[in-house]
Amino acid sequence: MALTVLTGCGSDPLEDDFVKFFNTDMVPISEKAGEIQTATEEWSALEDENAMIEYANNTLIPLVDETLDLMEDINPETDEVKSLKNTFQTGLSAYKEAFEMAVSDLQTGGTMEEPMAKMEEATAQFDEFDVESDALADELGLELE
């Protein structure tokens, strides 16, 4: 879920929206994404199921909720950037759902197959976000750093 900063020159509404999206709007999202990644690694290292449930409920899921709330405040002007926002937001929602499903499976002795599939769905959304971002940056003649 790493995000990057854009550099470029020129001015058109799409370019302006795209640059603002990455250089301003997504900065706090990127910071939260780093926190989510760290929290996920910490959660994965837990060996006690009750500790995993507690950590997911008290740390991971609220952290994703905070990030989703921040995403709500982002209002792109162009359809292309709205699509990027939607793709990232969909990934975050799938990520949250994966942890909610994991908590349920941990509580009921489930197999964790569904949460893992949902996590793969979230990862696919983040990968799609990266591909779409790169393609749009290339189209605009911008460089992702």
C-alpha atoms as a PDB file:
ATOM      1  CA  MET A   1       0.000   0.000   0.000  1.00  0.00           C
ATOM      2  CA  ALA A   2       2.874   2.354  -0.517  1.00  0.00           C
ATOM      3  CA  LEU A   3       2.079   5.656  -2.156  1.00  0.00           C
ATOM      4  CA  THR A   4       4.472   7.963  -3.907  1.00  0.00           C
ATOM      5  CA  VAL A   5       4.929  11.644  -4.648  1.00  0.00           C
ATOM      6  CA  LEU A   6       4.529  13.049  -8.153  1.00  0.00           C
ATOM      7  CA  THR A   7       6.663  15.509  -9.984  1.00  0.00           C
ATOM      8  CA  GLY A   8       5.797  17.091 -13.274  1.00  0.00           C
ATOM      9  CA  CYS A   9       5.226  20.301 -15.122  1.00  0.00           C
ATOM     10  CA  GLY A  10       2.395  21.680 -17.178  1.00  0.00           C
ATOM     11  CA  SER A  11      -1.155  22.307 -16.211  1.00  0.00           C
ATOM     12  CA  ASP A  12      -4.466  20.782 -17.092  1.00  0.00           C
ATOM     13  CA  PRO A  13      -7.400  19.852 -14.846  1.00  0.00           C
ATOM     14  CA  LEU A  14      -6.602  16.131 -14.849  1.00  0.00           C
ATOM     15  CA  GLU A  15      -2.929  16.697 -14.115  1.00  0.00           C
ATOM     16  CA  ASP A  16      -3.748  19.176 -11.358  1.00  0.00           C
ATOM     17  CA  ASP A  17      -6.250  16.751  -9.794  1.00  0.00           C
ATOM     18  CA  PHE A  18      -3.846  13.817 -10.061  1.00  0.00           C
ATOM     19  CA  VAL A  19      -0.936  15.728  -8.516  1.00  0.00           C
ATOM     20  CA  LYS A  20      -3.151  17.071  -5.705  1.00  0.00           C
ATOM     21  CA  PHE A  21      -4.481  13.573  -5.063  1.00  0.00           C
ATOM     22  CA  PHE A  22      -1.008  12.115  -4.560  1.00  0.00           C
ATOM     23  CA  ASN A  23       0.911  15.047  -3.118  1.00  0.00           C
ATOM     24  CA  THR A  24      -1.770  16.330  -0.746  1.00  0.00           C
ATOM     25  CA  ASP A  25      -4.858  14.150  -0.346  1.00  0.00           C
ATOM     26  CA  MET A  26      -3.132  10.783  -0.063  1.00  0.00           C
ATOM     27  CA  VAL A  27      -0.302  11.871   2.257  1.00  0.00           C
ATOM     28  CA  PRO A  28      -2.215  11.073   5.476  1.00  0.00           C
ATOM     29  CA  ILE A  29      -3.608   7.927   3.833  1.00  0.00           C
ATOM     30  CA  SER A  30      -0.078   6.788   3.031  1.00  0.00           C
ATOM     31  CA  GLU A  31       0.944   7.358   6.641  1.00  0.00           C
ATOM     32  CA  LYS A  32      -2.035   5.325   7.868  1.00  0.00           C
ATOM     33  CA  ALA A  33      -1.254   2.609   5.297  1.00  0.00           C
ATOM     34  CA  GLY A  34       2.191   2.286   6.863  1.00  0.00           C
ATOM     35  CA  GLU A  35       0.612   1.970  10.302  1.00  0.00           C
ATOM     36  CA  ILE A  36      -1.787  -0.672   8.973  1.00  0.00           C
ATOM     37  CA  GLN A  37       1.102  -2.630   7.477  1.00  0.00           C
ATOM     38  CA  THR A  38       3.013  -2.538  10.773  1.00  0.00           C
ATOM     39  CA  ALA A  39      -0.097  -3.516  12.731  1.00  0.00           C
ATOM     40  CA  THR A  40      -0.765  -6.390  10.333  1.00  0.00           C
ATOM     41  CA  GLU A  41       2.770  -7.687  10.829  1.00  0.00           C
ATOM     42  CA  GLU A  42       2.343  -7.454  14.609  1.00  0.00           C
ATOM     43  CA  TRP A  43      -1.031  -9.239  14.384  1.00  0.00           C
ATOM     44  CA  SER A  44       0.482 -12.002  12.242  1.00  0.00           C
ATOM     45  CA  ALA A  45       3.194 -12.585  14.848  1.00  0.00           C
ATOM     46  CA  LEU A  46       0.678 -13.208  17.633  1.00  0.00           C
ATOM     47  CA  GLU A  47       0.312 -16.854  18.596  1.00  0.00           C
ATOM     48  CA  ASP A  48      -2.655 -16.669  20.947  1.00  0.00           C
ATOM     49  CA  GLU A  49      -6.054 -16.615  19.237  1.00  0.00           C
ATOM     50  CA  ASN A  50      -7.605 -14.412  21.930  1.00  0.00           C
ATOM     51  CA  ALA A  51      -4.762 -11.930  21.565  1.00  0.00           C
ATOM     52  CA  MET A  52      -5.299 -11.949  17.786  1.00  0.00           C
ATOM     53  CA  ILE A  53      -9.012 -11.256  18.227  1.00  0.00           C
ATOM     54  CA  GLU A  54      -8.356  -8.453  20.705  1.00  0.00           C
ATOM     55  CA  TYR A  55      -5.644  -6.880  18.537  1.00  0.00           C
ATOM     56  CA  ALA A  56      -7.804  -7.020  15.414  1.00  0.00           C
ATOM     57  CA  ASN A  57     -10.798  -5.511  17.210  1.00  0.00           C
ATOM     58  CA  ASN A  58      -8.902  -2.864  19.165  1.00  0.00           C
ATOM     59  CA  THR A  59      -6.097  -1.906  16.793  1.00  0.00           C
ATOM     60  CA  LEU A  60      -6.318  -3.161  13.224  1.00  0.00           C
ATOM     61  CA  ILE A  61      -9.977  -2.688  12.375  1.00  0.00           C
ATOM     62  CA  PRO A  62     -10.170   0.772  14.019  1.00  0.00           C
ATOM     63  CA  LEU A  63      -7.026   1.804  12.127  1.00  0.00           C
ATOM     64  CA  VAL A  64      -8.602   0.775   8.818  1.00  0.00           C
ATOM     65  CA  ASP A  65     -11.804   2.589   9.837  1.00  0.00           C
ATOM     66  CA  GLU A  66      -9.801   5.771  10.522  1.00  0.00           C
ATOM     67  CA  THR A  67      -8.210   5.473   7.095  1.00  0.00           C
ATOM     68  CA  LEU A  68     -11.567   4.928   5.410  1.00  0.00           C
ATOM     69  CA  ASP A  69     -12.873   8.021   7.221  1.00  0.00           C
ATOM     70  CA  LEU A  70      -9.935  10.033   5.877  1.00  0.00           C
ATOM     71  CA  MET A  71     -10.701   8.750   2.377  1.00  0.00           C
ATOM     72  CA  GLU A  72     -14.229  10.141   2.671  1.00  0.00           C
ATOM     73  CA  ASP A  73     -12.764  13.651   2.897  1.00  0.00           C
ATOM     74  CA  ILE A  74     -11.015  13.283  -0.470  1.00  0.00           C
ATOM     75  CA  ASN A  75     -13.098  14.701  -3.307  1.00  0.00           C
ATOM     76  CA  PRO A  76     -11.364  14.368  -6.668  1.00  0.00           C
ATOM     77  CA  GLU A  77     -12.667  16.494  -9.512  1.00  0.00           C
ATOM     78  CA  THR A  78     -11.957  14.206 -12.456  1.00  0.00           C
ATOM     79  CA  ASP A  79     -13.381  10.785 -13.261  1.00  0.00           C
ATOM     80  CA  GLU A  80      -9.908   9.280 -13.597  1.00  0.00           C
ATOM     81  CA  VAL A  81      -8.833  10.335 -10.116  1.00  0.00           C
ATOM     82  CA  LYS A  82     -12.239   9.393  -8.684  1.00  0.00           C
ATOM     83  CA  SER A  83     -11.612   5.923 -10.088  1.00  0.00           C
ATOM     84  CA  LEU A  84      -8.213   5.752  -8.379  1.00  0.00           C
ATOM     85  CA  LYS A  85      -9.761   6.805  -5.089  1.00  0.00           C
ATOM     86  CA  ASN A  86     -12.494   4.196  -5.481  1.00  0.00           C
ATOM     87  CA  THR A  87     -10.004   1.429  -6.230  1.00  0.00           C
ATOM     88  CA  PHE A  88      -7.943   2.235  -3.140  1.00  0.00           C
ATOM     89  CA  GLN A  89     -11.044   2.612  -0.980  1.00  0.00           C
ATOM     90  CA  THR A  90     -12.372  -0.739  -2.210  1.00  0.00           C
ATOM     91  CA  GLY A  91      -9.068  -2.331  -1.228  1.00  0.00           C
ATOM     92  CA  LEU A  92      -9.281  -0.828   2.259  1.00  0.00           C
ATOM     93  CA  SER A  93     -12.861  -2.045   2.667  1.00  0.00           C
ATOM     94  CA  ALA A  94     -11.872  -5.563   1.602  1.00  0.00           C
ATOM     95  CA  TYR A  95      -8.933  -5.433   4.027  1.00  0.00           C
ATOM     96  CA  LYS A  96     -11.259  -4.483   6.872  1.00  0.00           C
ATOM     97  CA  GLU A  97     -13.711  -7.216   5.908  1.00  0.00           C
ATOM     98  CA  ALA A  98     -10.866  -9.760   5.842  1.00  0.00           C
ATOM     99  CA  PHE A  99      -9.971  -8.952   9.442  1.00  0.00           C
ATOM    100  CA  GLU A 100     -13.611  -9.020  10.537  1.00  0.00           C
ATOM    101  CA  MET A 101     -13.904 -12.451   8.929  1.00  0.00           C
ATOM    102  CA  ALA A 102     -10.657 -13.545  10.600  1.00  0.00           C
ATOM    103  CA  VAL A 103     -12.017 -12.531  14.001  1.00  0.00           C
ATOM    104  CA  SER A 104     -15.161 -14.536  13.328  1.00  0.00           C
ATOM    105  CA  ASP A 105     -13.163 -17.588  12.244  1.00  0.00           C
ATOM    106  CA  LEU A 106     -10.891 -17.309  15.276  1.00  0.00           C
ATOM    107  CA  GLN A 107     -13.936 -17.147  17.548  1.00  0.00           C
ATOM    108  CA  THR A 108     -15.679 -20.099  15.907  1.00  0.00           C
ATOM    109  CA  GLY A 109     -12.743 -22.310  14.953  1.00  0.00           C
ATOM    110  CA  GLY A 110     -13.127 -21.546  11.252  1.00  0.00           C
ATOM    111  CA  THR A 111     -10.555 -22.428   8.633  1.00  0.00           C
ATOM    112  CA  MET A 112      -9.427 -18.861   7.803  1.00  0.00           C
ATOM    113  CA  GLU A 113      -9.891 -19.684   4.098  1.00  0.00           C
ATOM    114  CA  GLU A 114     -12.472 -16.942   3.527  1.00  0.00           C
ATOM    115  CA  PRO A 115     -10.474 -14.239   5.311  1.00  0.00           C
ATOM    116  CA  MET A 116      -7.388 -15.179   3.311  1.00  0.00           C
ATOM    117  CA  ALA A 117      -9.366 -15.003   0.052  1.00  0.00           C
ATOM    118  CA  LYS A 118     -10.699 -11.587   1.066  1.00  0.00           C
ATOM    119  CA  MET A 119      -7.142 -10.468   1.882  1.00  0.00           C
ATOM    120  CA  GLU A 120      -6.086 -11.566  -1.604  1.00  0.00           C
ATOM    121  CA  GLU A 121      -8.974  -9.498  -2.999  1.00  0.00           C
ATOM    122  CA  ALA A 122      -7.734  -6.465  -1.068  1.00  0.00           C
ATOM    123  CA  THR A 123      -4.194  -7.006  -2.330  1.00  0.00           C
ATOM    124  CA  ALA A 124      -5.498  -7.242  -5.893  1.00  0.00           C
ATOM    125  CA  GLN A 125      -7.260  -3.884  -5.453  1.00  0.00           C
ATOM    126  CA  PHE A 126      -4.068  -2.256  -4.179  1.00  0.00           C
ATOM    127  CA  ASP A 127      -2.137  -3.770  -7.093  1.00  0.00           C
ATOM    128  CA  GLU A 128      -4.762  -2.417  -9.494  1.00  0.00           C
ATOM    129  CA  PHE A 129      -4.427   1.003  -7.861  1.00  0.00           C
ATOM    130  CA  ASP A 130      -0.680   0.916  -8.486  1.00  0.00           C
ATOM    131  CA  VAL A 131      -1.113  -0.131 -12.136  1.00  0.00           C
ATOM    132  CA  GLU A 132      -3.800   2.504 -12.785  1.00  0.00           C
ATOM    133  CA  SER A 133      -1.714   5.187 -11.073  1.00  0.00           C
ATOM    134  CA  ASP A 134       1.373   4.333 -13.105  1.00  0.00           C
ATOM    135  CA  ALA A 135      -0.602   4.273 -16.347  1.00  0.00           C
ATOM    136  CA  LEU A 136      -2.214   7.641 -15.672  1.00  0.00           C
ATOM    137  CA  ALA A 137       1.105   9.166 -14.623  1.00  0.00           C
ATOM    138  CA  ASP A 138       2.650   7.923 -17.870  1.00  0.00           C
ATOM    139  CA  GLU A 139      -0.279   9.300 -19.879  1.00  0.00           C
ATOM    140  CA  LEU A 140       0.170  12.683 -18.218  1.00  0.00           C
ATOM    141  CA  GLY A 141       3.942  12.652 -18.594  1.00  0.00           C
ATOM    142  CA  LEU A 142       4.420  12.645 -14.820  1.00  0.00           C
ATOM    143  CA  GLU A 143       6.969  10.732 -12.815  1.00  0.00           C
ATOM    144  CA  LEU A 144       6.128   8.674  -9.764  1.00  0.00           C
ATOM    145  CA  GLU A 145       8.947   8.844  -7.217  1.00  0.00           C
END
